[in-house]
Amino acid sequence: MEPLIDRWYAWSHLIAPATAARNLTERHLRIMDSYLDDPEAHAEAAQNPALAGGPFMNYATDRSAEIAALREATCRDRRQLIDLSAAIAALDTLVQKEAVGLSLEPLYAKVPAPLNGCVELSYICGIGRPID
């Protein structure tokens, strides 16, 4: 027996809302879309030991109808997580473009609604770039 979350193997990054949201949109939906685009490529990749653990669905026969239904159900039932993921991505873009070393206070008015009141904006010196 193996625990599942939305028919995917359960792991710690599918529990907290932020990581669950990002994994849903950036991993699970992408894998399903890729499978629906080319099930045969997934079957071949799943048999290649060099690609073990890669983002492939391992089915011996075409299960596109099931995967399409799973994708549809996921998008319907997990709409809040999908919206949260979009808000996280939008906030990341906002900070990348508009956090230019000045006060971050004006950015709070632009924080996407699902994150309103849930995030703290701050600068972290030296992360990702050299200190002048």
N, C-alpha and C. Protein backbone atom coordinates (compact mmCIF):
# COMPACT_ATOMS: atom_id res chain seq x y z
N MET A 1 0.84 -1.16 0.00
CA MET A 1 0.00 0.00 0.00
C MET A 1 0.89 1.24 0.00
N GLU A 2 0.48 2.26 -0.76
CA GLU A 2 1.26 3.48 -0.88
C GLU A 2 0.32 4.68 -0.81
N PRO A 3 0.63 5.67 0.03
CA PRO A 3 -0.25 6.84 0.11
C PRO A 3 -0.17 7.69 -1.15
N LEU A 4 -1.32 8.23 -1.55
CA LEU A 4 -1.41 9.09 -2.73
C LEU A 4 -2.08 10.41 -2.37
N ILE A 5 -1.72 11.44 -3.10
CA ILE A 5 -2.40 12.74 -3.04
C ILE A 5 -2.78 13.08 -4.47
N ASP A 6 -4.06 13.16 -4.73
CA ASP A 6 -4.55 13.42 -6.09
C ASP A 6 -4.00 12.42 -7.10
N ARG A 7 -3.88 11.16 -6.66
CA ARG A 7 -3.40 10.05 -7.49
C ARG A 7 -1.92 10.15 -7.84
N TRP A 8 -1.16 10.97 -7.10
CA TRP A 8 0.29 11.06 -7.23
C TRP A 8 0.90 10.55 -5.93
N TYR A 9 2.12 10.02 -6.01
CA TYR A 9 2.79 9.56 -4.80
C TYR A 9 2.85 10.69 -3.78
N ALA A 10 2.48 10.40 -2.55
CA ALA A 10 2.50 11.41 -1.50
C ALA A 10 3.94 11.66 -1.07
N TRP A 11 4.30 12.92 -0.94
CA TRP A 11 5.60 13.32 -0.39
C TRP A 11 5.42 14.67 0.27
N SER A 12 6.37 15.08 1.06
CA SER A 12 6.22 16.26 1.91
C SER A 12 5.90 17.54 1.13
N HIS A 13 6.35 17.67 -0.09
CA HIS A 13 6.10 18.89 -0.87
C HIS A 13 4.69 18.97 -1.44
N LEU A 14 3.86 17.99 -1.15
CA LEU A 14 2.47 18.04 -1.57
C LEU A 14 1.53 18.31 -0.40
N ILE A 15 2.10 18.71 0.73
CA ILE A 15 1.29 18.96 1.92
C ILE A 15 1.10 20.45 2.15
N ALA A 16 2.18 21.20 2.28
CA ALA A 16 2.08 22.65 2.49
C ALA A 16 1.47 23.30 1.25
N PRO A 17 0.56 24.24 1.43
CA PRO A 17 -0.14 24.82 0.26
C PRO A 17 0.77 25.41 -0.81
N ALA A 18 1.79 26.16 -0.42
CA ALA A 18 2.63 26.81 -1.43
C ALA A 18 3.39 25.80 -2.27
N THR A 19 4.04 24.82 -1.63
CA THR A 19 4.79 23.84 -2.41
C THR A 19 3.86 22.90 -3.15
N ALA A 20 2.71 22.59 -2.56
CA ALA A 20 1.73 21.76 -3.27
C ALA A 20 1.26 22.46 -4.53
N ALA A 21 0.98 23.75 -4.41
CA ALA A 21 0.50 24.52 -5.56
C ALA A 21 1.54 24.55 -6.67
N ARG A 22 2.79 24.84 -6.32
CA ARG A 22 3.83 24.93 -7.34
C ARG A 22 4.11 23.57 -7.98
N ASN A 23 4.14 22.50 -7.17
CA ASN A 23 4.35 21.17 -7.73
C ASN A 23 3.19 20.76 -8.62
N LEU A 24 2.00 21.13 -8.25
CA LEU A 24 0.83 20.82 -9.08
C LEU A 24 0.96 21.44 -10.46
N THR A 25 1.24 22.75 -10.51
CA THR A 25 1.28 23.43 -11.81
C THR A 25 2.58 23.23 -12.56
N GLU A 26 3.69 23.15 -11.85
CA GLU A 26 4.99 23.10 -12.52
C GLU A 26 5.51 21.68 -12.71
N ARG A 27 4.85 20.71 -12.11
CA ARG A 27 5.30 19.33 -12.25
C ARG A 27 4.14 18.46 -12.76
N HIS A 28 3.11 18.28 -11.96
CA HIS A 28 2.05 17.33 -12.31
C HIS A 28 1.31 17.71 -13.59
N LEU A 29 0.84 18.94 -13.68
CA LEU A 29 0.11 19.33 -14.90
C LEU A 29 1.02 19.27 -16.13
N ARG A 30 2.28 19.66 -15.96
CA ARG A 30 3.21 19.60 -17.09
C ARG A 30 3.47 18.17 -17.54
N ILE A 31 3.60 17.25 -16.57
CA ILE A 31 3.81 15.85 -16.92
C ILE A 31 2.58 15.30 -17.65
N MET A 32 1.39 15.63 -17.13
CA MET A 32 0.17 15.16 -17.79
C MET A 32 0.05 15.74 -19.20
N ASP A 33 0.35 17.03 -19.36
CA ASP A 33 0.29 17.65 -20.69
C ASP A 33 1.29 16.98 -21.64
N SER A 34 2.48 16.73 -21.14
CA SER A 34 3.49 16.07 -21.95
C SER A 34 3.04 14.67 -22.37
N TYR A 35 2.46 13.94 -21.41
CA TYR A 35 1.95 12.60 -21.73
C TYR A 35 0.86 12.68 -22.80
N LEU A 36 -0.06 13.60 -22.62
CA LEU A 36 -1.16 13.72 -23.59
C LEU A 36 -0.65 14.11 -24.97
N ASP A 37 0.44 14.87 -25.02
CA ASP A 37 1.04 15.25 -26.31
C ASP A 37 1.70 14.06 -27.00
N ASP A 38 2.30 13.14 -26.21
CA ASP A 38 3.06 12.04 -26.81
C ASP A 38 3.20 10.86 -25.85
N PRO A 39 2.15 10.05 -25.71
CA PRO A 39 2.21 8.90 -24.79
C PRO A 39 3.32 7.91 -25.14
N GLU A 40 3.59 7.75 -26.42
CA GLU A 40 4.63 6.81 -26.84
C GLU A 40 6.01 7.24 -26.35
N ALA A 41 6.28 8.53 -26.36
CA ALA A 41 7.57 9.02 -25.88
C ALA A 41 7.73 8.72 -24.39
N HIS A 42 6.63 8.82 -23.65
CA HIS A 42 6.69 8.50 -22.22
C HIS A 42 6.97 7.01 -22.02
N ALA A 43 6.31 6.17 -22.79
CA ALA A 43 6.53 4.72 -22.67
C ALA A 43 7.99 4.38 -22.97
N GLU A 44 8.56 4.99 -23.99
CA GLU A 44 9.96 4.74 -24.34
C GLU A 44 10.89 5.27 -23.26
N ALA A 45 10.65 6.48 -22.79
CA ALA A 45 11.51 7.09 -21.78
C ALA A 45 11.47 6.30 -20.47
N ALA A 46 10.31 5.78 -20.13
CA ALA A 46 10.17 5.02 -18.88
C ALA A 46 10.96 3.72 -18.93
N GLN A 47 11.25 3.22 -20.12
CA GLN A 47 12.03 1.98 -20.26
C GLN A 47 13.54 2.23 -20.34
N ASN A 48 13.94 3.48 -20.42
CA ASN A 48 15.35 3.83 -20.54
C ASN A 48 15.95 4.04 -19.15
N PRO A 49 16.86 3.16 -18.70
CA PRO A 49 17.44 3.29 -17.36
C PRO A 49 18.14 4.63 -17.12
N ALA A 50 18.67 5.23 -18.17
CA ALA A 50 19.36 6.52 -18.03
C ALA A 50 18.38 7.63 -17.66
N LEU A 51 17.10 7.42 -17.90
CA LEU A 51 16.09 8.44 -17.61
C LEU A 51 15.26 8.09 -16.37
N ALA A 52 15.72 7.11 -15.60
CA ALA A 52 14.98 6.67 -14.41
C ALA A 52 14.74 7.85 -13.47
N GLY A 53 13.52 7.95 -12.99
CA GLY A 53 13.16 9.03 -12.09
C GLY A 53 12.79 10.32 -12.79
N GLY A 54 12.80 10.32 -14.10
CA GLY A 54 12.48 11.52 -14.87
C GLY A 54 10.98 11.79 -14.89
N PRO A 55 10.59 12.90 -15.46
CA PRO A 55 9.18 13.30 -15.46
C PRO A 55 8.35 12.58 -16.53
N PHE A 56 8.23 11.26 -16.37
CA PHE A 56 7.53 10.45 -17.35
C PHE A 56 6.46 9.61 -16.67
N MET A 57 5.39 9.36 -17.37
CA MET A 57 4.36 8.42 -16.91
C MET A 57 4.70 7.07 -17.49
N ASN A 58 4.72 6.07 -16.65
CA ASN A 58 5.16 4.74 -17.04
C ASN A 58 3.95 3.82 -17.24
N TYR A 59 3.41 3.83 -18.44
CA TYR A 59 2.30 2.95 -18.80
C TYR A 59 2.67 2.18 -20.05
N ALA A 60 2.41 0.89 -20.04
CA ALA A 60 2.72 0.04 -21.19
C ALA A 60 1.76 0.29 -22.34
N THR A 61 0.53 0.70 -22.03
CA THR A 61 -0.46 0.97 -23.07
C THR A 61 -0.90 2.43 -22.96
N ASP A 62 -1.48 2.92 -24.03
CA ASP A 62 -1.94 4.31 -24.07
C ASP A 62 -3.11 4.49 -23.10
N ARG A 63 -2.93 5.40 -22.14
CA ARG A 63 -3.98 5.71 -21.17
C ARG A 63 -4.36 7.18 -21.23
N SER A 64 -4.31 7.72 -22.44
CA SER A 64 -4.58 9.14 -22.64
C SER A 64 -5.95 9.56 -22.12
N ALA A 65 -6.96 8.74 -22.31
CA ALA A 65 -8.30 9.10 -21.85
C ALA A 65 -8.33 9.25 -20.33
N GLU A 66 -7.66 8.34 -19.63
CA GLU A 66 -7.61 8.42 -18.17
C GLU A 66 -6.82 9.64 -17.71
N ILE A 67 -5.72 9.92 -18.37
CA ILE A 67 -4.90 11.06 -18.00
C ILE A 67 -5.63 12.36 -18.30
N ALA A 68 -6.34 12.41 -19.40
CA ALA A 68 -7.13 13.61 -19.72
C ALA A 68 -8.21 13.83 -18.66
N ALA A 69 -8.84 12.75 -18.21
CA ALA A 69 -9.86 12.86 -17.16
C ALA A 69 -9.23 13.29 -15.84
N LEU A 70 -8.06 12.76 -15.53
CA LEU A 70 -7.35 13.16 -14.31
C LEU A 70 -6.98 14.63 -14.36
N ARG A 71 -6.49 15.06 -15.51
CA ARG A 71 -6.12 16.47 -15.66
C ARG A 71 -7.34 17.37 -15.47
N GLU A 72 -8.44 16.99 -16.10
CA GLU A 72 -9.67 17.79 -15.98
C GLU A 72 -10.15 17.84 -14.53
N ALA A 73 -10.14 16.70 -13.86
CA ALA A 73 -10.57 16.65 -12.45
C ALA A 73 -9.64 17.46 -11.57
N THR A 74 -8.35 17.38 -11.84
CA THR A 74 -7.37 18.13 -11.05
C THR A 74 -7.61 19.63 -11.22
N CYS A 75 -7.79 20.07 -12.45
CA CYS A 75 -8.02 21.51 -12.69
C CYS A 75 -9.33 21.98 -12.05
N ARG A 76 -10.32 21.13 -12.03
CA ARG A 76 -11.60 21.48 -11.42
C ARG A 76 -11.50 21.46 -9.88
N ASP A 77 -10.93 20.39 -9.34
CA ASP A 77 -10.94 20.19 -7.89
C ASP A 77 -9.85 20.95 -7.16
N ARG A 78 -8.82 21.31 -7.86
CA ARG A 78 -7.68 22.00 -7.22
C ARG A 78 -7.51 23.43 -7.73
N ARG A 79 -8.61 24.05 -8.13
CA ARG A 79 -8.59 25.41 -8.67
C ARG A 79 -7.90 26.37 -7.70
N GLN A 80 -8.14 26.24 -6.39
CA GLN A 80 -7.53 27.15 -5.43
C GLN A 80 -6.00 27.01 -5.43
N LEU A 81 -5.50 25.79 -5.54
CA LEU A 81 -4.05 25.61 -5.59
C LEU A 81 -3.48 26.15 -6.89
N ILE A 82 -4.19 25.98 -7.97
CA ILE A 82 -3.74 26.52 -9.26
C ILE A 82 -3.69 28.05 -9.19
N ASP A 83 -4.71 28.65 -8.59
CA ASP A 83 -4.72 30.10 -8.43
C ASP A 83 -3.60 30.57 -7.50
N LEU A 84 -3.34 29.80 -6.44
CA LEU A 84 -2.24 30.14 -5.53
C LEU A 84 -0.91 30.08 -6.26
N SER A 85 -0.70 29.06 -7.07
CA SER A 85 0.54 28.95 -7.84
C SER A 85 0.72 30.13 -8.78
N ALA A 86 -0.35 30.53 -9.44
CA ALA A 86 -0.29 31.69 -10.34
C ALA A 86 0.05 32.96 -9.55
N ALA A 87 -0.51 33.08 -8.36
CA ALA A 87 -0.22 34.25 -7.53
C ALA A 87 1.24 34.26 -7.08
N ILE A 88 1.78 33.10 -6.72
CA ILE A 88 3.19 33.01 -6.33
C ILE A 88 4.09 33.39 -7.50
N ALA A 89 3.78 32.89 -8.67
CA ALA A 89 4.57 33.24 -9.87
C ALA A 89 4.47 34.73 -10.17
N ALA A 90 3.27 35.29 -10.05
CA ALA A 90 3.09 36.72 -10.31
C ALA A 90 3.85 37.57 -9.30
N LEU A 91 3.83 37.16 -8.04
CA LEU A 91 4.57 37.90 -7.01
C LEU A 91 6.07 37.81 -7.27
N ASP A 92 6.54 36.66 -7.67
CA ASP A 92 7.97 36.51 -7.98
C ASP A 92 8.36 37.45 -9.12
N THR A 93 7.55 37.51 -10.16
CA THR A 93 7.82 38.41 -11.28
C THR A 93 7.80 39.87 -10.81
N LEU A 94 6.81 40.21 -10.01
CA LEU A 94 6.70 41.57 -9.48
C LEU A 94 7.96 41.96 -8.71
N VAL A 95 8.39 41.11 -7.82
CA VAL A 95 9.57 41.41 -7.01
C VAL A 95 10.81 41.50 -7.88
N GLN A 96 10.96 40.58 -8.84
CA GLN A 96 12.12 40.62 -9.73
C GLN A 96 12.19 41.93 -10.52
N LYS A 97 11.03 42.43 -10.94
CA LYS A 97 11.00 43.63 -11.77
C LYS A 97 11.03 44.93 -10.96
N GLU A 98 10.37 44.95 -9.81
CA GLU A 98 10.15 46.22 -9.13
C GLU A 98 10.89 46.41 -7.81
N ALA A 99 11.48 45.38 -7.27
CA ALA A 99 12.27 45.53 -6.05
C ALA A 99 13.68 45.94 -6.46
N VAL A 100 13.93 47.22 -6.42
CA VAL A 100 15.19 47.75 -6.96
C VAL A 100 16.05 48.42 -5.88
N GLY A 101 15.94 47.97 -4.65
CA GLY A 101 16.78 48.50 -3.59
C GLY A 101 16.14 49.62 -2.80
N LEU A 102 14.95 50.03 -3.18
CA LEU A 102 14.24 51.07 -2.45
C LEU A 102 13.23 50.42 -1.51
N SER A 103 12.37 51.20 -0.92
CA SER A 103 11.35 50.67 -0.03
C SER A 103 10.45 49.68 -0.76
N LEU A 104 10.13 48.60 -0.07
CA LEU A 104 9.23 47.59 -0.64
C LEU A 104 7.77 47.88 -0.30
N GLU A 105 7.54 48.88 0.50
CA GLU A 105 6.18 49.22 0.94
C GLU A 105 5.19 49.39 -0.21
N PRO A 106 5.54 50.09 -1.30
CA PRO A 106 4.57 50.25 -2.40
C PRO A 106 4.17 48.93 -3.08
N LEU A 107 5.01 47.91 -2.96
CA LEU A 107 4.71 46.64 -3.60
C LEU A 107 3.56 45.88 -2.91
N TYR A 108 3.33 46.17 -1.64
CA TYR A 108 2.26 45.47 -0.93
C TYR A 108 0.90 45.68 -1.59
N ALA A 109 0.69 46.83 -2.17
CA ALA A 109 -0.59 47.11 -2.85
C ALA A 109 -0.74 46.27 -4.12
N LYS A 110 0.37 45.72 -4.61
CA LYS A 110 0.36 44.94 -5.85
C LYS A 110 0.43 43.43 -5.60
N VAL A 111 0.49 43.01 -4.35
CA VAL A 111 0.54 41.58 -4.04
C VAL A 111 -0.77 40.92 -4.52
N PRO A 112 -0.67 39.83 -5.28
CA PRO A 112 -1.89 39.15 -5.77
C PRO A 112 -2.82 38.75 -4.61
N ALA A 113 -4.11 38.82 -4.87
CA ALA A 113 -5.14 38.58 -3.84
C ALA A 113 -4.94 37.30 -3.03
N PRO A 114 -4.63 36.16 -3.63
CA PRO A 114 -4.48 34.94 -2.81
C PRO A 114 -3.36 35.03 -1.78
N LEU A 115 -2.44 35.96 -1.97
CA LEU A 115 -1.31 36.10 -1.05
C LEU A 115 -1.44 37.31 -0.13
N ASN A 116 -2.47 38.10 -0.33
CA ASN A 116 -2.67 39.32 0.45
C ASN A 116 -2.71 38.99 1.94
N GLY A 117 -1.86 39.63 2.71
CA GLY A 117 -1.79 39.40 4.14
C GLY A 117 -1.05 38.15 4.54
N CYS A 118 -0.49 37.43 3.59
CA CYS A 118 0.20 36.16 3.87
C CYS A 118 1.69 36.19 3.58
N VAL A 119 2.18 37.30 3.04
CA VAL A 119 3.60 37.37 2.68
C VAL A 119 4.25 38.59 3.31
N GLU A 120 5.52 38.46 3.55
CA GLU A 120 6.34 39.57 4.04
C GLU A 120 7.44 39.78 3.01
N LEU A 121 7.56 40.97 2.50
CA LEU A 121 8.59 41.28 1.51
C LEU A 121 9.81 41.83 2.23
N SER A 122 10.99 41.36 1.84
CA SER A 122 12.22 41.88 2.44
C SER A 122 13.38 41.62 1.49
N TYR A 123 14.43 42.37 1.72
CA TYR A 123 15.66 42.15 0.98
C TYR A 123 16.55 41.23 1.80
N ILE A 124 17.25 40.33 1.11
CA ILE A 124 18.23 39.48 1.77
C ILE A 124 19.56 39.77 1.09
N CYS A 125 20.45 40.35 1.81
CA CYS A 125 21.73 40.78 1.26
C CYS A 125 22.58 39.58 0.84
N GLY A 126 23.07 39.64 -0.37
CA GLY A 126 24.05 38.66 -0.84
C GLY A 126 23.48 37.40 -1.45
N ILE A 127 22.19 37.21 -1.41
CA ILE A 127 21.60 36.00 -1.98
C ILE A 127 21.47 36.20 -3.50
N GLY A 128 22.12 35.34 -4.26
CA GLY A 128 21.93 35.32 -5.70
C GLY A 128 22.80 36.30 -6.49
N ARG A 129 23.46 37.20 -5.81
CA ARG A 129 24.34 38.12 -6.53
C ARG A 129 25.43 38.62 -5.58
N PRO A 130 26.55 39.03 -6.14
CA PRO A 130 27.65 39.51 -5.28
C PRO A 130 27.29 40.81 -4.56
N ILE A 131 27.85 40.96 -3.41
CA ILE A 131 27.66 42.21 -2.65
C ILE A 131 28.65 43.23 -3.15
N ASP A 132 28.19 44.45 -3.45
CA ASP A 132 29.08 45.52 -3.93
C ASP A 132 29.89 46.08 -2.78
